[in-house]
C-alpha atoms as a PDB file:
ATOM      1  CA  MET A   1     161.906 105.679  87.963  1.00  0.00           C
ATOM      2  CA  THR A   2     160.443 109.018  86.587  1.00  0.00           C
ATOM      3  CA  ALA A   3     159.519 112.051  88.676  1.00  0.00           C
ATOM      4  CA  GLU A   4     155.923 111.028  87.622  1.00  0.00           C
ATOM      5  CA  ASP A   5     156.119 107.842  89.197  1.00  0.00           C
ATOM      6  CA  ALA A   6     157.793 108.863  92.436  1.00  0.00           C
ATOM      7  CA  LYS A   7     154.985 111.352  92.885  1.00  0.00           C
ATOM      8  CA  ASN A   8     152.224 108.684  92.373  1.00  0.00           C
ATOM      9  CA  GLY A   9     153.907 106.445  94.939  1.00  0.00           C
ATOM     10  CA  ARG A  10     154.041 109.308  97.313  1.00  0.00           C
ATOM     11  CA  GLU A  11     150.432 109.910  97.032  1.00  0.00           C
ATOM     12  CA  GLU A  12     149.762 106.134  97.287  1.00  0.00           C
ATOM     13  CA  ARG A  13     151.560 106.005 100.662  1.00  0.00           C
ATOM     14  CA  LYS A  14     149.217 109.120 102.169  1.00  0.00           C
ATOM     15  CA  GLU A  15     147.099 107.741 104.599  1.00  0.00           C
ATOM     16  CA  ASP A  16     143.201 107.888 103.723  1.00  0.00           C
ATOM     17  CA  PRO A  17     141.740 110.208 106.336  1.00  0.00           C
ATOM     18  CA  ASN A  18     138.572 108.224 106.018  1.00  0.00           C
ATOM     19  CA  SER A  19     140.491 104.872 107.000  1.00  0.00           C
ATOM     20  CA  ALA A  20     141.418 106.281 110.167  1.00  0.00           C
ATOM     21  CA  ASN A  21     138.008 107.476 110.962  1.00  0.00           C
ATOM     22  CA  ARG A  22     136.742 103.783 110.047  1.00  0.00           C
ATOM     23  CA  GLY A  23     138.940 102.144 112.322  1.00  0.00           C
ATOM     24  CA  SER A  24     138.307 104.656 115.122  1.00  0.00           C
ATOM     25  CA  GLY A  25     134.469 103.926 114.670  1.00  0.00           C
ATOM     26  CA  ARG A  26     135.078 100.216 114.644  1.00  0.00           C
ATOM     27  CA  SER A  27     136.957 100.307 117.911  1.00  0.00           C
ATOM     28  CA  SER A  28     134.217 102.647 119.342  1.00  0.00           C
ATOM     29  CA  THR A  29     131.648 100.138 118.399  1.00  0.00           C
ATOM     30  CA  ALA A  30     133.586  97.254 119.977  1.00  0.00           C
ATOM     31  CA  ASN A  31     134.141  99.161 123.318  1.00  0.00           C
ATOM     32  CA  ALA A  32     130.666 100.182 123.289  1.00  0.00           C
ATOM     33  CA  GLN A  33     129.484  96.351 122.734  1.00  0.00           C
ATOM     34  CA  ILE A  34     132.274  95.119 125.813  1.00  0.00           C
ATOM     35  CA  GLY A  35     130.904  98.144 127.950  1.00  0.00           C
ATOM     36  CA  TYR A  36     127.224  96.907 127.230  1.00  0.00           C
ATOM     37  CA  PHE A  37     128.056  93.165 128.049  1.00  0.00           C
ATOM     38  CA  MET A  38     130.030  94.117 131.166  1.00  0.00           C
ATOM     39  CA  LEU A  39     126.966  96.052 132.363  1.00  0.00           C
ATOM     40  CA  VAL A  40     124.562  93.344 131.462  1.00  0.00           C
ATOM     41  CA  SER A  41     126.824  90.779 132.937  1.00  0.00           C
ATOM     42  CA  LYS A  42     127.099  92.616 136.272  1.00  0.00           C
ATOM     43  CA  ARG A  43     123.317  92.889 136.524  1.00  0.00           C
ATOM     44  CA  GLY A  44     122.670  89.658 135.235  1.00  0.00           C
ATOM     45  CA  SER A  45     125.065  87.906 137.422  1.00  0.00           C
ATOM     46  CA  ARG A  46     123.734  89.435 140.564  1.00  0.00           C
ATOM     47  CA  PHE A  47     120.091  88.767 139.481  1.00  0.00           C
ATOM     48  CA  LEU A  48     121.191  84.894 138.407  1.00  0.00           C
ATOM     49  CA  TRP A  49     123.067  84.436 141.834  1.00  0.00           C
ATOM     50  CA  THR A  50     120.344  85.545 143.952  1.00  0.00           C
ATOM     51  CA  ALA A  51     117.744  83.259 142.259  1.00  0.00           C
ATOM     52  CA  VAL A  52     120.193  80.270 142.494  1.00  0.00           C
ATOM     53  CA  ILE A  53     120.862  80.837 146.167  1.00  0.00           C
ATOM     54  CA  PHE A  54     117.038  81.283 146.854  1.00  0.00           C
ATOM     55  CA  LEU A  55     116.226  78.001 144.756  1.00  0.00           C
ATOM     56  CA  VAL A  56     119.151  76.028 146.437  1.00  0.00           C
ATOM     57  CA  ALA A  57     117.846  77.233 149.920  1.00  0.00           C
ATOM     58  CA  ILE A  58     114.360  76.020 149.170  1.00  0.00           C
ATOM     59  CA  GLY A  59     115.827  72.565 147.790  1.00  0.00           C
ATOM     60  CA  VAL A  60     117.818  71.922 151.012  1.00  0.00           C
ATOM     61  CA  ALA A  61     115.133  73.057 152.975  1.00  0.00           C
ATOM     62  CA  ALA A  62     112.707  70.556 151.362  1.00  0.00           C
ATOM     63  CA  VAL A  63     115.236  67.643 151.689  1.00  0.00           C
ATOM     64  CA  THR A  64     115.796  68.714 155.386  1.00  0.00           C
ATOM     65  CA  ARG A  65     111.893  68.573 156.182  1.00  0.00           C
ATOM     66  CA  ARG A  66     111.264  65.443 154.231  1.00  0.00           C
ATOM     67  CA  THR A  67     114.001  63.721 156.037  1.00  0.00           C
ATOM     68  CA  LEU A  68     112.714  64.811 159.515  1.00  0.00           C
ATOM     69  CA  VAL A  69     109.273  63.931 158.524  1.00  0.00           C
ATOM     70  CA  LEU A  70     110.352  60.412 157.274  1.00  0.00           C
ATOM     71  CA  PHE A  71     112.447  59.686 160.489  1.00  0.00           C
ATOM     72  CA  TRP A  72     110.137  61.527 163.135  1.00  0.00           C
ATOM     73  CA  PRO A  73     106.637  61.820 161.778  1.00  0.00           C
ATOM     74  CA  VAL A  74     105.065  62.645 165.048  1.00  0.00           C
ATOM     75  CA  GLN A  75     107.186  65.450 165.937  1.00  0.00           C
ATOM     76  CA  PHE A  76     107.822  67.153 162.168  1.00  0.00           C
ATOM     77  CA  ALA A  77     104.525  66.012 160.105  1.00  0.00           C
ATOM     78  CA  GLY A  78     101.613  68.603 160.120  1.00  0.00           C
ATOM     79  CA  GLY A  79      99.231  65.929 161.351  1.00  0.00           C
ATOM     80  CA  LYS A  80      96.106  64.664 159.513  1.00  0.00           C
ATOM     81  CA  ASN A  81      94.553  67.877 158.638  1.00  0.00           C
ATOM     82  CA  SER A  82      97.722  69.182 157.066  1.00  0.00           C
ATOM     83  CA  PRO A  83      97.587  69.690 153.348  1.00  0.00           C
ATOM     84  CA  ALA A  84     100.581  67.816 152.796  1.00  0.00           C
ATOM     85  CA  ALA A  85      99.210  64.652 154.923  1.00  0.00           C
ATOM     86  CA  GLY A  86      98.896  62.614 151.847  1.00  0.00           C
ATOM     87  CA  LEU A  87     102.188  63.446 150.337  1.00  0.00           C
ATOM     88  CA  ASP A  88     104.074  62.554 153.588  1.00  0.00           C
ATOM     89  CA  ALA A  89     102.080  59.235 153.788  1.00  0.00           C
ATOM     90  CA  GLY A  90     103.087  58.526 150.021  1.00  0.00           C
ATOM     91  CA  PHE A  91     106.827  59.208 150.663  1.00  0.00           C
ATOM     92  CA  ALA A  92     106.717  57.142 153.987  1.00  0.00           C
ATOM     93  CA  ARG A  93     105.401  54.220 152.141  1.00  0.00           C
ATOM     94  CA  GLN A  94     108.624  54.412 149.919  1.00  0.00           C
ATOM     95  CA  MET A  95     111.028  55.692 152.616  1.00  0.00           C
ATOM     96  CA  ALA A  96     114.167  53.747 151.453  1.00  0.00           C
ATOM     97  CA  LEU A  97     113.631  55.143 147.762  1.00  0.00           C
ATOM     98  CA  THR A  98     112.816  58.566 149.004  1.00  0.00           C
ATOM     99  CA  LEU A  99     115.967  58.669 150.874  1.00  0.00           C
ATOM    100  CA  VAL A 100     118.082  57.576 148.110  1.00  0.00           C
ATOM    101  CA  HIS A 101     116.771  60.288 146.017  1.00  0.00           C
ATOM    102  CA  ILE A 102     116.616  63.313 148.122  1.00  0.00           C
ATOM    103  CA  LEU A 103     119.969  62.801 150.206  1.00  0.00           C
ATOM    104  CA  PRO A 104     122.035  62.893 147.204  1.00  0.00           C
ATOM    105  CA  GLY A 105     119.714  65.596 145.835  1.00  0.00           C
ATOM    106  CA  GLY A 106     120.542  67.898 148.762  1.00  0.00           C
ATOM    107  CA  LEU A 107     124.256  67.477 148.311  1.00  0.00           C
ATOM    108  CA  PHE A 108     124.018  68.218 144.634  1.00  0.00           C
ATOM    109  CA  LEU A 109     122.109  71.334 145.135  1.00  0.00           C
ATOM    110  CA  ALA A 110     124.603  72.536 147.934  1.00  0.00           C
ATOM    111  CA  LEU A 111     127.817  71.532 146.030  1.00  0.00           C
ATOM    112  CA  ALA A 112     126.811  72.561 142.255  1.00  0.00           C
ATOM    113  CA  PRO A 113     127.042  76.492 142.881  1.00  0.00           C
ATOM    114  CA  LEU A 114     130.564  76.223 144.295  1.00  0.00           C
ATOM    115  CA  GLN A 115     131.545  74.569 140.641  1.00  0.00           C
ATOM    116  CA  PHE A 116     130.738  77.882 138.956  1.00  0.00           C
ATOM    117  CA  MET A 117     132.353  80.226 141.231  1.00  0.00           C
ATOM    118  CA  PRO A 118     136.018  81.190 139.498  1.00  0.00           C
ATOM    119  CA  GLY A 119     137.498  81.941 142.688  1.00  0.00           C
ATOM    120  CA  ILE A 120     137.039  78.213 143.813  1.00  0.00           C
ATOM    121  CA  ARG A 121     137.819  76.821 140.793  1.00  0.00           C
ATOM    122  CA  GLN A 122     141.321  78.614 140.055  1.00  0.00           C
ATOM    123  CA  ARG A 123     142.507  78.649 143.735  1.00  0.00           C
ATOM    124  CA  HIS A 124     141.141  75.283 144.896  1.00  0.00           C
ATOM    125  CA  LEU A 125     141.470  72.902 141.866  1.00  0.00           C
ATOM    126  CA  GLN A 126     141.725  69.814 143.885  1.00  0.00           C
ATOM    127  CA  PHE A 127     138.452  70.504 145.639  1.00  0.00           C
ATOM    128  CA  HIS A 128     136.916  71.566 142.384  1.00  0.00           C
ATOM    129  CA  ARG A 129     138.022  68.150 140.723  1.00  0.00           C
ATOM    130  CA  TRP A 130     136.817  66.191 143.749  1.00  0.00           C
ATOM    131  CA  SER A 131     133.583  67.990 144.287  1.00  0.00           C
ATOM    132  CA  GLY A 132     132.784  67.475 140.717  1.00  0.00           C
ATOM    133  CA  ARG A 133     133.258  63.494 140.976  1.00  0.00           C
ATOM    134  CA  VAL A 134     130.947  63.685 143.970  1.00  0.00           C
ATOM    135  CA  LEU A 135     128.539  65.583 141.845  1.00  0.00           C
ATOM    136  CA  MET A 136     128.696  63.034 138.937  1.00  0.00           C
ATOM    137  CA  VAL A 137     127.858  60.225 141.255  1.00  0.00           C
ATOM    138  CA  CYS A 138     125.178  62.210 143.257  1.00  0.00           C
ATOM    139  CA  GLY A 139     123.501  62.906 139.760  1.00  0.00           C
ATOM    140  CA  LEU A 140     123.588  59.260 138.461  1.00  0.00           C
ATOM    141  CA  ILE A 141     121.781  58.181 141.775  1.00  0.00           C
ATOM    142  CA  ILE A 142     119.366  60.852 141.545  1.00  0.00           C
ATOM    143  CA  GLY A 143     118.683  60.515 137.780  1.00  0.00           C
ATOM    144  CA  ILE A 144     118.072  56.813 138.036  1.00  0.00           C
ATOM    145  CA  SER A 145     116.212  57.102 141.328  1.00  0.00           C
ATOM    146  CA  ALA A 146     113.871  59.790 139.761  1.00  0.00           C
ATOM    147  CA  LEU A 147     113.094  57.514 136.735  1.00  0.00           C
ATOM    148  CA  ILE A 148     112.047  54.611 139.275  1.00  0.00           C
ATOM    149  CA  MET A 149     110.047  57.147 141.375  1.00  0.00           C
ATOM    150  CA  SER A 150     108.090  58.367 138.196  1.00  0.00           C
ATOM    151  CA  TYR A 151     106.655  54.900 137.777  1.00  0.00           C
ATOM    152  CA  THR A 152     106.200  53.726 141.273  1.00  0.00           C
ATOM    153  CA  MET A 153     105.168  56.772 143.633  1.00  0.00           C
ATOM    154  CA  ASN A 154     103.868  59.544 141.210  1.00  0.00           C
ATOM    155  CA  ILE A 155     101.380  61.801 142.741  1.00  0.00           C
ATOM    156  CA  GLY A 156      99.887  63.532 139.697  1.00  0.00           C
ATOM    157  CA  GLY A 157      99.295  60.493 137.488  1.00  0.00           C
ATOM    158  CA  PRO A 158     100.513  60.106 133.937  1.00  0.00           C
ATOM    159  CA  ASN A 159     100.949  64.138 133.540  1.00  0.00           C
ATOM    160  CA  GLU A 160     103.728  64.093 136.228  1.00  0.00           C
ATOM    161  CA  THR A 161     105.357  60.852 135.034  1.00  0.00           C
ATOM    162  CA  ALA A 162     105.721  62.254 131.671  1.00  0.00           C
ATOM    163  CA  ALA A 163     107.457  65.224 133.333  1.00  0.00           C
ATOM    164  CA  THR A 164     109.740  63.477 135.640  1.00  0.00           C
ATOM    165  CA  THR A 165     110.498  61.110 133.240  1.00  0.00           C
ATOM    166  CA  LEU A 166     111.445  63.443 130.377  1.00  0.00           C
ATOM    167  CA  PHE A 167     113.672  65.780 132.651  1.00  0.00           C
ATOM    168  CA  ALA A 168     115.241  62.779 134.394  1.00  0.00           C
ATOM    169  CA  ILE A 169     116.600  61.555 131.159  1.00  0.00           C
ATOM    170  CA  VAL A 170     117.505  65.231 130.186  1.00  0.00           C
ATOM    171  CA  PHE A 171     119.494  65.480 133.421  1.00  0.00           C
ATOM    172  CA  LEU A 172     121.190  62.324 132.796  1.00  0.00           C
ATOM    173  CA  ILE A 173     122.234  63.239 129.396  1.00  0.00           C
ATOM    174  CA  CYS A 174     123.558  66.459 130.243  1.00  0.00           C
ATOM    175  CA  LEU A 175     125.722  64.740 133.108  1.00  0.00           C
ATOM    176  CA  VAL A 176     127.287  62.151 130.540  1.00  0.00           C
ATOM    177  CA  LYS A 177     128.039  65.013 128.115  1.00  0.00           C
ATOM    178  CA  ALA A 178     129.695  67.139 130.659  1.00  0.00           C
ATOM    179  CA  TYR A 179     131.764  64.151 131.815  1.00  0.00           C
ATOM    180  CA  LEU A 180     132.715  62.974 128.204  1.00  0.00           C
ATOM    181  CA  HIS A 181     133.582  66.790 127.388  1.00  0.00           C
ATOM    182  CA  ILE A 182     135.879  67.191 130.594  1.00  0.00           C
ATOM    183  CA  ARG A 183     137.889  63.960 129.552  1.00  0.00           C
ATOM    184  CA  ARG A 184     138.364  65.338 126.173  1.00  0.00           C
ATOM    185  CA  LYS A 185     139.799  68.665 128.051  1.00  0.00           C
ATOM    186  CA  GLU A 186     136.875  70.768 126.537  1.00  0.00           C
ATOM    187  CA  VAL A 187     136.430  72.640 129.415  1.00  0.00           C
ATOM    188  CA  GLU A 188     134.064  75.364 127.975  1.00  0.00           C
ATOM    189  CA  ARG A 189     132.045  72.648 126.528  1.00  0.00           C
ATOM    190  CA  HIS A 190     131.848  70.780 130.005  1.00  0.00           C
ATOM    191  CA  ARG A 191     130.986  74.093 131.706  1.00  0.00           C
ATOM    192  CA  GLU A 192     127.879  74.455 129.538  1.00  0.00           C
ATOM    193  CA  TRP A 193     126.475  71.107 129.690  1.00  0.00           C
ATOM    194  CA  MET A 194     126.875  71.133 133.913  1.00  0.00           C
ATOM    195  CA  ILE A 195     125.181  74.398 133.739  1.00  0.00           C
ATOM    196  CA  ARG A 196     122.014  72.415 131.904  1.00  0.00           C
ATOM    197  CA  ALA A 197     122.390  69.860 134.543  1.00  0.00           C
ATOM    198  CA  PHE A 198     121.992  72.471 137.104  1.00  0.00           C
ATOM    199  CA  GLY A 199     119.281  73.981 135.574  1.00  0.00           C
ATOM    200  CA  VAL A 200     117.463  70.749 135.494  1.00  0.00           C
ATOM    201  CA  GLY A 201     118.394  70.146 139.177  1.00  0.00           C
ATOM    202  CA  LEU A 202     116.810  73.387 140.090  1.00  0.00           C
ATOM    203  CA  GLY A 203     113.785  72.465 138.555  1.00  0.00           C
ATOM    204  CA  VAL A 204     112.854  70.468 141.385  1.00  0.00           C
ATOM    205  CA  ALA A 205     113.116  73.452 143.893  1.00  0.00           C
ATOM    206  CA  THR A 206     111.178  75.439 141.696  1.00  0.00           C
ATOM    207  CA  THR A 207     108.301  73.318 141.553  1.00  0.00           C
ATOM    208  CA  ARG A 208     108.103  73.769 145.615  1.00  0.00           C
ATOM    209  CA  PRO A 209     106.695  77.358 145.470  1.00  0.00           C
ATOM    210  CA  ILE A 210     104.636  76.489 142.523  1.00  0.00           C
ATOM    211  CA  VAL A 211     103.105  73.556 144.559  1.00  0.00           C
ATOM    212  CA  GLY A 212     102.476  75.853 147.655  1.00  0.00           C
ATOM    213  CA  MET A 213     100.512  78.444 145.648  1.00  0.00           C
ATOM    214  CA  PHE A 214      98.244  75.364 144.253  1.00  0.00           C
ATOM    215  CA  PHE A 215      97.656  74.310 147.996  1.00  0.00           C
ATOM    216  CA  ALA A 216      97.048  77.940 148.788  1.00  0.00           C
ATOM    217  CA  PHE A 217      94.224  78.497 146.113  1.00  0.00           C
ATOM    218  CA  ARG A 218      92.970  74.963 146.989  1.00  0.00           C
ATOM    219  CA  ARG A 219      91.080  74.659 143.554  1.00  0.00           C
ATOM    220  CA  LEU A 220      92.868  71.726 142.225  1.00  0.00           C
ATOM    221  CA  THR A 221      93.904  68.344 143.855  1.00  0.00           C
ATOM    222  CA  PRO A 222      97.334  67.311 144.356  1.00  0.00           C
ATOM    223  CA  HIS A 223      96.613  64.585 141.765  1.00  0.00           C
ATOM    224  CA  GLU A 224      95.458  67.371 139.233  1.00  0.00           C
ATOM    225  CA  PHE A 225      98.141  69.902 139.590  1.00  0.00           C
ATOM    226  CA  PHE A 226     101.332  68.112 140.512  1.00  0.00           C
ATOM    227  CA  GLY A 227     102.011  67.249 136.839  1.00  0.00           C
ATOM    228  CA  ILE A 228     101.513  70.999 136.084  1.00  0.00           C
ATOM    229  CA  ALA A 229     103.739  72.168 138.559  1.00  0.00           C
ATOM    230  CA  PHE A 230     106.611  69.737 137.582  1.00  0.00           C
ATOM    231  CA  TRP A 231     106.352  70.870 133.865  1.00  0.00           C
ATOM    232  CA  LEU A 232     106.427  74.713 134.961  1.00  0.00           C
ATOM    233  CA  GLY A 233     109.134  74.057 137.453  1.00  0.00           C
ATOM    234  CA  PHE A 234     111.449  72.107 135.222  1.00  0.00           C
ATOM    235  CA  THR A 235     110.876  74.116 131.975  1.00  0.00           C
ATOM    236  CA  ILE A 236     111.731  77.483 133.640  1.00  0.00           C
ATOM    237  CA  THR A 237     114.936  76.530 135.007  1.00  0.00           C
ATOM    238  CA  VAL A 238     115.849  74.740 131.593  1.00  0.00           C
ATOM    239  CA  ILE A 239     114.959  77.664 129.545  1.00  0.00           C
ATOM    240  CA  ALA A 240     117.031  79.858 132.211  1.00  0.00           C
ATOM    241  CA  ALA A 241     120.143  77.702 131.709  1.00  0.00           C
ATOM    242  CA  GLU A 242     120.113  77.384 128.195  1.00  0.00           C
ATOM    243  CA  ALA A 243     119.502  81.443 127.965  1.00  0.00           C
ATOM    244  CA  TRP A 244     122.417  81.900 130.381  1.00  0.00           C
ATOM    245  CA  VAL A 245     124.747  79.512 128.340  1.00  0.00           C
ATOM    246  CA  ASP A 246     123.837  81.416 125.109  1.00  0.00           C
ATOM    247  CA  TYR A 247     124.528  84.752 126.900  1.00  0.00           C
ATOM    248  CA  THR A 248     128.010  83.825 128.057  1.00  0.00           C
ATOM    249  CA  ARG A 249     128.905  82.356 124.920  1.00  0.00           C
ATOM    250  CA  GLN A 250     128.112  85.758 123.154  1.00  0.00           C
ATOM    251  CA  ARG A 251     129.840  87.592 125.795  1.00  0.00           C
ATOM    252  CA  MET A 252     132.966  85.703 125.328  1.00  0.00           C
ATOM    253  CA  VAL A 253     132.814  85.952 121.739  1.00  0.00           C
ATOM    254  CA  VAL A 254     132.552  89.924 121.875  1.00  0.00           C
ATOM    255  CA  ARG A 255     135.344  90.056 124.634  1.00  0.00           C
ATOM    256  CA  GLY A 256     137.674  87.721 123.220  1.00  0.00           C
ATOM    257  CA  ASP A 257     137.536  86.166 126.635  1.00  0.00           C
ATOM    258  CA  PHE A 258     138.252  82.550 125.842  1.00  0.00           C
ATOM    259  CA  PRO A 259     138.619  80.153 128.501  1.00  0.00           C
ATOM    260  CA  ASN A 260     141.861  78.464 129.265  1.00  0.00           C
ATOM    261  CA  SER A 261     142.590  74.960 128.349  1.00  0.00           C
ATOM    262  CA  VAL A 262     143.265  71.982 130.671  1.00  0.00           C
ATOM    263  CA  SER A 263     146.621  70.155 131.043  1.00  0.00           C
ATOM    264  CA  ALA A 264     147.053  66.451 130.594  1.00  0.00           C
ATOM    265  CA  GLU A 265     146.510  66.284 134.456  1.00  0.00           C
ATOM    266  CA  GLY A 266     143.364  67.804 134.155  1.00  0.00           C
ATOM    267  CA  SER A 267     144.538  71.008 136.137  1.00  0.00           C
ATOM    268  CA  LEU A 268     143.679  74.537 134.527  1.00  0.00           C
ATOM    269  CA  ALA A 269     146.668  75.525 132.187  1.00  0.00           C
ATOM    270  CA  ALA A 270     147.018  79.208 131.614  1.00  0.00           C
ATOM    271  CA  ASP A 271     149.251  79.199 128.701  1.00  0.00           C
ATOM    272  CA  GLY A 272     146.962  78.155 125.886  1.00  0.00           C
ATOM    273  CA  PRO A 273     143.352  79.755 124.950  1.00  0.00           C
ATOM    274  CA  GLN A 274     140.840  77.094 124.047  1.00  0.00           C
ATOM    275  CA  ARG A 275     138.896  77.334 121.002  1.00  0.00           C
ATOM    276  CA  LEU A 276     135.434  78.078 121.234  1.00  0.00           C
ATOM    277  CA  GLU A 277     133.533  75.821 118.873  1.00  0.00           C
ATOM    278  CA  PRO A 278     129.791  76.644 117.663  1.00  0.00           C
ATOM    279  CA  SER A 279     127.255  74.680 118.894  1.00  0.00           C
END
C-alpha cells in the first residue's frame, strides 16, 4: 500500500460532520412526532372515555327505563299525555322481542368498555376472555333481534328500517370478523373490529339525545324523525370508531409500540411482537 492510498483510507474513515447532524435531525423529528402523538393521545383518550361513559350511561338508563315501563307501566310510564306514550304502547305490544333485544344490549354496553382497559386486560385475563365470550353471545342476540325488530315494529317507516337493517348487518359482520381474528391470534385486528362493533352499539345510545331534541322542537312526528335520528346516531359513532382505529394504528407505527402476540392457549405472550398489517 502506498502512502497516498493510506492517506485516502484515513480520509474515507473520517466522519462526515453533516451525517451526524442529519441523524440528529431525524432523531429530533421522530421525538417530536412521538411527543405530539402522546399529547394528542392523552387529550384524545380523556375526551373519548368521557364520551363513551356518557353514552353508556344513556344506553343503560334507556334499557332500565324501558324495562320498568314494560313491567310496571302504571308506575313508570308518563301517561297518555307523554310524548313517548305512543312509543311505550308500541314496545308493549312486542314485549318479549323488546326484552330479548334490550337486556343483552344493556349488558353489552356495560361490559364492552372494560374490554378496552389495558389494566383489566393484562391483570385479569380470564375475566377478559369470559366477558369477551359473553359479549359475543349478547352481540349476536342484539344483531339478530334488531333485524327482526326492523321489519316488525319500526316507528319511522322505511327510512328507519333501512338504517337499522344496515347497521345491524354491519354490527354482526364486525363481531364475526373480531371472532375470526382472535381465533387466528391476530390481537390487533381483533381489537380494531371490536372497536367498530362497539361503535355501532353506541349508536343506539347516541340516537336518544337526538330523539329528545326532535321531541323538544315538536316540528316532526316520531314517524317522520325516527329514521333521521337513527341515521345520524349510528353514523356519528361509526365514523368516530373508525377514526380512533386509524389514529391508534398511526400512533403505534410512530412509536414502534406493537401489541404483544397471543399464545396458543389465548393468553397474552410478552415475548414476541405482533406484526401490524396494513388494512
